[in-house]
Structures are given as C-alpha cells and as structure tokens.
Amino acid sequence: MLVEWLQALHEWPVAAFFRRSVYAYPLLNAGHIFALTLLIGAILPADLKVLGFFPRIAAGPFLRSMTAISATGLALAVLTGFLLFSVQPLEYARNPAFLVKLSLIALGTANALVIRFSSAWRDAWTKESISPALRAGALLSLTVWVAALVAGRWIAFV
C-alpha cells in the first residue's frame, strides 16, 4: 500500500512539473532553505534565551516573536519539503538519513508543542521565570533541530 501511494505521488503532475522544470526545482529547493532559515534562525535564539543567554532581553516579547517566526518557518518547511519529497518519493523513503530527519522533525515538533502549552512557558512569557523543566526542553529542542538539519544535509550522501 505504501509503495502504491509513493508511486502515485511520483506520478502526481506537480511532482512531474518539478522534475521537468529547469527553474522550478532549484527555486523550490531555495524556498526550502529559506524556510529552514526561518525555523532554525528563530529556534536557536529562543532556546538560547531560555538557557540563560541574552539576560537583558525581556523573555515574553522575544519568545512570542521567535515562536511566530519558527512556526511560519516550520509550516513553509513542511510544505516545500513535501513538494521536494514528491519528486523522488521512492528513493527518499529508502534513505536512512531522510527517515532520521523525519523522526527528528516529529520529535522537535512534539517537544515544541509540549513546551508551548506548558505552564512553564506561560510563566516565562508573563513572569520572566524560567524553570529547570523549560531549560531542559530548550536544550532538547536545540539538540533535535540541529540534528534534523544535519540529517537533512546528509540525505545527499547516503
């Protein structure tokens, strides 16, 4: 069943367009890199803030801004990533680095959701109070998202 779905995705006219076009695929790839820049570029400073860096910057407004930017980056990365995947779905589905990347993205997203809906996150926004649990979540976030970025780059080499 999975193979049939992957084959149908490969035959999807949008995927065929990206395979045939001299310009569309590189532009899509650039869009994916831009999305990753938003995602990692917002997660890194937010996690560092939670870990104690940038003590002069108020946590609430800073974390709100970084959350909005990282959420936008994630949405764009998922969209562009899916379109990139559609170009060679059977190959990507067999690529160990791609599978690791997907797992890390799922873990990073789940961690972000747990953090964002926690009382510790609300306290960081409103009381400028950062708990040890929130710091642990930020450390996990930093590790997972950087690892996902490395795994994504590794896809071309395995």
C-alpha atoms as a PDB file:
ATOM      1  CA  MET A   1       0.000   0.000   0.000  1.00  0.00           C
ATOM      2  CA  LEU A   2       2.783   2.454   0.895  1.00  0.00           C
ATOM      3  CA  VAL A   3       4.648   1.690  -2.328  1.00  0.00           C
ATOM      4  CA  GLU A   4       1.497   2.336  -4.352  1.00  0.00           C
ATOM      5  CA  TRP A   5       0.966   5.670  -2.602  1.00  0.00           C
ATOM      6  CA  LEU A   6       4.602   6.655  -3.172  1.00  0.00           C
ATOM      7  CA  GLN A   7       4.338   5.684  -6.839  1.00  0.00           C
ATOM      8  CA  ALA A   8       1.142   7.726  -7.217  1.00  0.00           C
ATOM      9  CA  LEU A   9       2.905  10.676  -5.577  1.00  0.00           C
ATOM     10  CA  HIS A  10       5.781  10.263  -8.030  1.00  0.00           C
ATOM     11  CA  GLU A  11       3.271  10.390 -10.916  1.00  0.00           C
ATOM     12  CA  TRP A  12       1.472  13.443  -9.499  1.00  0.00           C
ATOM     13  CA  PRO A  13       1.523  16.228 -12.113  1.00  0.00           C
ATOM     14  CA  VAL A  14       3.034  18.711  -9.645  1.00  0.00           C
ATOM     15  CA  ALA A  15       5.942  16.344  -8.941  1.00  0.00           C
ATOM     16  CA  ALA A  16       6.419  15.793 -12.671  1.00  0.00           C
ATOM     17  CA  PHE A  17       6.488  19.564 -13.179  1.00  0.00           C
ATOM     18  CA  PHE A  18       9.297  19.967 -10.638  1.00  0.00           C
ATOM     19  CA  ARG A  19      11.243  17.092 -12.221  1.00  0.00           C
ATOM     20  CA  ARG A  20      10.961  18.601 -15.726  1.00  0.00           C
ATOM     21  CA  SER A  21      11.455  22.270 -14.973  1.00  0.00           C
ATOM     22  CA  VAL A  22      14.928  23.741 -15.164  1.00  0.00           C
ATOM     23  CA  TYR A  23      13.962  26.574 -12.802  1.00  0.00           C
ATOM     24  CA  ALA A  24      11.124  25.361 -10.580  1.00  0.00           C
ATOM     25  CA  TYR A  25      13.034  22.658  -8.678  1.00  0.00           C
ATOM     26  CA  PRO A  26      16.010  24.907  -7.783  1.00  0.00           C
ATOM     27  CA  LEU A  27      13.603  27.654  -6.708  1.00  0.00           C
ATOM     28  CA  LEU A  28      11.660  25.159  -4.599  1.00  0.00           C
ATOM     29  CA  ASN A  29      14.907  23.979  -3.035  1.00  0.00           C
ATOM     30  CA  ALA A  30      15.836  27.605  -2.286  1.00  0.00           C
ATOM     31  CA  GLY A  31      12.398  28.089  -0.736  1.00  0.00           C
ATOM     32  CA  HIS A  32      13.031  25.081   1.498  1.00  0.00           C
ATOM     33  CA  ILE A  33      16.368  26.526   2.593  1.00  0.00           C
ATOM     34  CA  PHE A  34      14.672  29.874   3.300  1.00  0.00           C
ATOM     35  CA  ALA A  35      12.045  28.083   5.415  1.00  0.00           C
ATOM     36  CA  LEU A  36      14.787  26.270   7.343  1.00  0.00           C
ATOM     37  CA  THR A  37      16.495  29.606   7.906  1.00  0.00           C
ATOM     38  CA  LEU A  38      13.315  30.980   9.473  1.00  0.00           C
ATOM     39  CA  LEU A  39      12.801  27.817  11.527  1.00  0.00           C
ATOM     40  CA  ILE A  40      16.304  27.297  12.888  1.00  0.00           C
ATOM     41  CA  GLY A  41      17.038  31.027  12.917  1.00  0.00           C
ATOM     42  CA  ALA A  42      14.178  31.569  15.354  1.00  0.00           C
ATOM     43  CA  ILE A  43      14.501  28.385  17.403  1.00  0.00           C
ATOM     44  CA  LEU A  44      18.199  28.857  18.138  1.00  0.00           C
ATOM     45  CA  PRO A  45      17.916  32.298  19.796  1.00  0.00           C
ATOM     46  CA  ALA A  46      14.701  31.325  21.612  1.00  0.00           C
ATOM     47  CA  ASP A  47      16.337  28.214  23.052  1.00  0.00           C
ATOM     48  CA  LEU A  48      19.451  30.180  23.964  1.00  0.00           C
ATOM     49  CA  LYS A  49      17.293  32.795  25.721  1.00  0.00           C
ATOM     50  CA  VAL A  50      15.588  30.077  27.756  1.00  0.00           C
ATOM     51  CA  LEU A  51      19.008  28.593  28.558  1.00  0.00           C
ATOM     52  CA  GLY A  52      20.132  31.911  30.071  1.00  0.00           C
ATOM     53  CA  PHE A  53      21.714  33.808  27.193  1.00  0.00           C
ATOM     54  CA  PHE A  54      20.642  37.399  26.401  1.00  0.00           C
ATOM     55  CA  PRO A  55      19.651  38.241  30.010  1.00  0.00           C
ATOM     56  CA  ARG A  56      18.919  41.900  29.166  1.00  0.00           C
ATOM     57  CA  ILE A  57      16.207  40.988  26.654  1.00  0.00           C
ATOM     58  CA  ALA A  58      12.708  40.551  28.113  1.00  0.00           C
ATOM     59  CA  ALA A  59      11.648  36.945  27.644  1.00  0.00           C
ATOM     60  CA  GLY A  60       7.954  37.488  26.872  1.00  0.00           C
ATOM     61  CA  PRO A  61       8.093  39.661  23.739  1.00  0.00           C
ATOM     62  CA  PHE A  62      11.227  37.935  22.469  1.00  0.00           C
ATOM     63  CA  LEU A  63       9.819  34.413  22.836  1.00  0.00           C
ATOM     64  CA  ARG A  64       6.488  35.457  21.293  1.00  0.00           C
ATOM     65  CA  SER A  65       8.306  36.819  18.240  1.00  0.00           C
ATOM     66  CA  MET A  66      10.573  33.811  17.878  1.00  0.00           C
ATOM     67  CA  THR A  67       7.591  31.447  18.247  1.00  0.00           C
ATOM     68  CA  ALA A  68       5.713  33.150  15.419  1.00  0.00           C
ATOM     69  CA  ILE A  69       8.758  33.130  13.142  1.00  0.00           C
ATOM     70  CA  SER A  70       9.626  29.489  13.882  1.00  0.00           C
ATOM     71  CA  ALA A  71       6.019  28.369  13.348  1.00  0.00           C
ATOM     72  CA  THR A  72       5.981  30.125   9.971  1.00  0.00           C
ATOM     73  CA  GLY A  73       9.310  28.513   9.105  1.00  0.00           C
ATOM     74  CA  LEU A  74       8.043  25.087  10.091  1.00  0.00           C
ATOM     75  CA  ALA A  75       4.878  25.444   8.000  1.00  0.00           C
ATOM     76  CA  LEU A  76       6.874  26.563   4.964  1.00  0.00           C
ATOM     77  CA  ALA A  77       9.491  23.843   5.506  1.00  0.00           C
ATOM     78  CA  VAL A  78       6.822  21.139   5.678  1.00  0.00           C
ATOM     79  CA  LEU A  79       5.154  22.433   2.517  1.00  0.00           C
ATOM     80  CA  THR A  80       8.354  22.815   0.496  1.00  0.00           C
ATOM     81  CA  GLY A  81       9.754  19.599   1.961  1.00  0.00           C
ATOM     82  CA  PHE A  82       6.694  17.644   0.868  1.00  0.00           C
ATOM     83  CA  LEU A  83       6.999  19.053  -2.650  1.00  0.00           C
ATOM     84  CA  LEU A  84      10.706  18.164  -2.742  1.00  0.00           C
ATOM     85  CA  PHE A  85       9.872  14.672  -1.458  1.00  0.00           C
ATOM     86  CA  SER A  86       7.262  14.238  -4.207  1.00  0.00           C
ATOM     87  CA  VAL A  87       9.947  14.482  -6.882  1.00  0.00           C
ATOM     88  CA  GLN A  88      11.613  11.197  -5.781  1.00  0.00           C
ATOM     89  CA  PRO A  89       9.407   9.655  -3.091  1.00  0.00           C
ATOM     90  CA  LEU A  90      10.514   6.038  -3.569  1.00  0.00           C
ATOM     91  CA  GLU A  91      14.183   6.984  -3.246  1.00  0.00           C
ATOM     92  CA  TYR A  92      13.655   9.240  -0.237  1.00  0.00           C
ATOM     93  CA  ALA A  93      11.520   6.643   1.543  1.00  0.00           C
ATOM     94  CA  ARG A  94      14.516   4.272   1.432  1.00  0.00           C
ATOM     95  CA  ASN A  95      17.089   6.839   2.530  1.00  0.00           C
ATOM     96  CA  PRO A  96      18.131   6.317   6.167  1.00  0.00           C
ATOM     97  CA  ALA A  97      19.147   9.969   6.631  1.00  0.00           C
ATOM     98  CA  PHE A  98      15.747  11.110   5.357  1.00  0.00           C
ATOM     99  CA  LEU A  99      13.970   8.781   7.773  1.00  0.00           C
ATOM    100  CA  VAL A 100      16.110  10.047  10.655  1.00  0.00           C
ATOM    101  CA  LYS A 101      15.330  13.635   9.603  1.00  0.00           C
ATOM    102  CA  LEU A 102      11.581  12.936   9.625  1.00  0.00           C
ATOM    103  CA  SER A 103      11.825  11.324  13.052  1.00  0.00           C
ATOM    104  CA  LEU A 104      13.761  14.288  14.421  1.00  0.00           C
ATOM    105  CA  ILE A 105      11.266  16.755  12.944  1.00  0.00           C
ATOM    106  CA  ALA A 106       8.428  14.843  14.600  1.00  0.00           C
ATOM    107  CA  LEU A 107      10.307  14.844  17.924  1.00  0.00           C
ATOM    108  CA  GLY A 108      11.197  18.532  17.634  1.00  0.00           C
ATOM    109  CA  THR A 109       7.625  19.483  16.781  1.00  0.00           C
ATOM    110  CA  ALA A 110       6.203  17.385  19.630  1.00  0.00           C
ATOM    111  CA  ASN A 111       8.699  18.934  22.057  1.00  0.00           C
ATOM    112  CA  ALA A 112       7.769  22.430  20.854  1.00  0.00           C
ATOM    113  CA  LEU A 113       4.054  21.735  21.332  1.00  0.00           C
ATOM    114  CA  VAL A 114       4.587  20.335  24.824  1.00  0.00           C
ATOM    115  CA  ILE A 115       6.675  23.360  25.756  1.00  0.00           C
ATOM    116  CA  ARG A 116       4.321  25.922  24.225  1.00  0.00           C
ATOM    117  CA  PHE A 117       1.281  24.574  26.048  1.00  0.00           C
ATOM    118  CA  SER A 118       3.016  24.229  29.402  1.00  0.00           C
ATOM    119  CA  SER A 119       2.568  26.463  32.402  1.00  0.00           C
ATOM    120  CA  ALA A 120       6.349  26.887  32.447  1.00  0.00           C
ATOM    121  CA  TRP A 121       6.138  28.551  29.018  1.00  0.00           C
ATOM    122  CA  ARG A 122       3.370  30.895  30.201  1.00  0.00           C
ATOM    123  CA  ASP A 123       5.470  31.771  33.250  1.00  0.00           C
ATOM    124  CA  ALA A 124       8.433  32.598  31.006  1.00  0.00           C
ATOM    125  CA  TRP A 125       6.224  34.944  28.979  1.00  0.00           C
ATOM    126  CA  THR A 126       4.419  36.622  31.846  1.00  0.00           C
ATOM    127  CA  LYS A 127       6.641  36.363  34.919  1.00  0.00           C
ATOM    128  CA  GLU A 128      10.058  36.179  33.257  1.00  0.00           C
ATOM    129  CA  SER A 129      10.500  32.964  35.266  1.00  0.00           C
ATOM    130  CA  ILE A 130      12.302  30.106  33.531  1.00  0.00           C
ATOM    131  CA  SER A 131      12.010  26.717  35.203  1.00  0.00           C
ATOM    132  CA  PRO A 132      14.542  23.881  35.024  1.00  0.00           C
ATOM    133  CA  ALA A 133      11.989  21.843  33.040  1.00  0.00           C
ATOM    134  CA  LEU A 134      11.718  24.613  30.454  1.00  0.00           C
ATOM    135  CA  ARG A 135      15.510  24.792  30.232  1.00  0.00           C
ATOM    136  CA  ALA A 136      15.621  21.023  29.647  1.00  0.00           C
ATOM    137  CA  GLY A 137      13.029  21.369  26.892  1.00  0.00           C
ATOM    138  CA  ALA A 138      15.082  24.133  25.274  1.00  0.00           C
ATOM    139  CA  LEU A 139      18.228  22.014  25.409  1.00  0.00           C
ATOM    140  CA  LEU A 140      16.356  19.100  23.818  1.00  0.00           C
ATOM    141  CA  SER A 141      14.947  21.464  21.186  1.00  0.00           C
ATOM    142  CA  LEU A 142      18.341  22.861  20.317  1.00  0.00           C
ATOM    143  CA  THR A 143      19.834  19.384  20.015  1.00  0.00           C
ATOM    144  CA  VAL A 144      16.978  17.888  17.991  1.00  0.00           C
ATOM    145  CA  TRP A 145      16.627  20.736  15.476  1.00  0.00           C
ATOM    146  CA  VAL A 146      20.364  20.962  14.812  1.00  0.00           C
ATOM    147  CA  ALA A 147      20.439  17.167  14.384  1.00  0.00           C
ATOM    148  CA  ALA A 148      17.486  17.378  11.954  1.00  0.00           C
ATOM    149  CA  LEU A 149      19.368  19.991   9.959  1.00  0.00           C
ATOM    150  CA  VAL A 150      22.461  17.769   9.799  1.00  0.00           C
ATOM    151  CA  ALA A 151      20.371  14.717   8.870  1.00  0.00           C
ATOM    152  CA  GLY A 152      18.719  16.720   6.096  1.00  0.00           C
ATOM    153  CA  ARG A 153      22.081  17.666   4.663  1.00  0.00           C
ATOM    154  CA  TRP A 154      23.233  14.051   4.970  1.00  0.00           C
ATOM    155  CA  ILE A 155      20.437  12.836   2.679  1.00  0.00           C
ATOM    156  CA  ALA A 156      22.536  13.534  -0.411  1.00  0.00           C
ATOM    157  CA  PHE A 157      25.421  11.439   0.874  1.00  0.00           C
ATOM    158  CA  VAL A 158      23.806   8.127   1.821  1.00  0.00           C
END
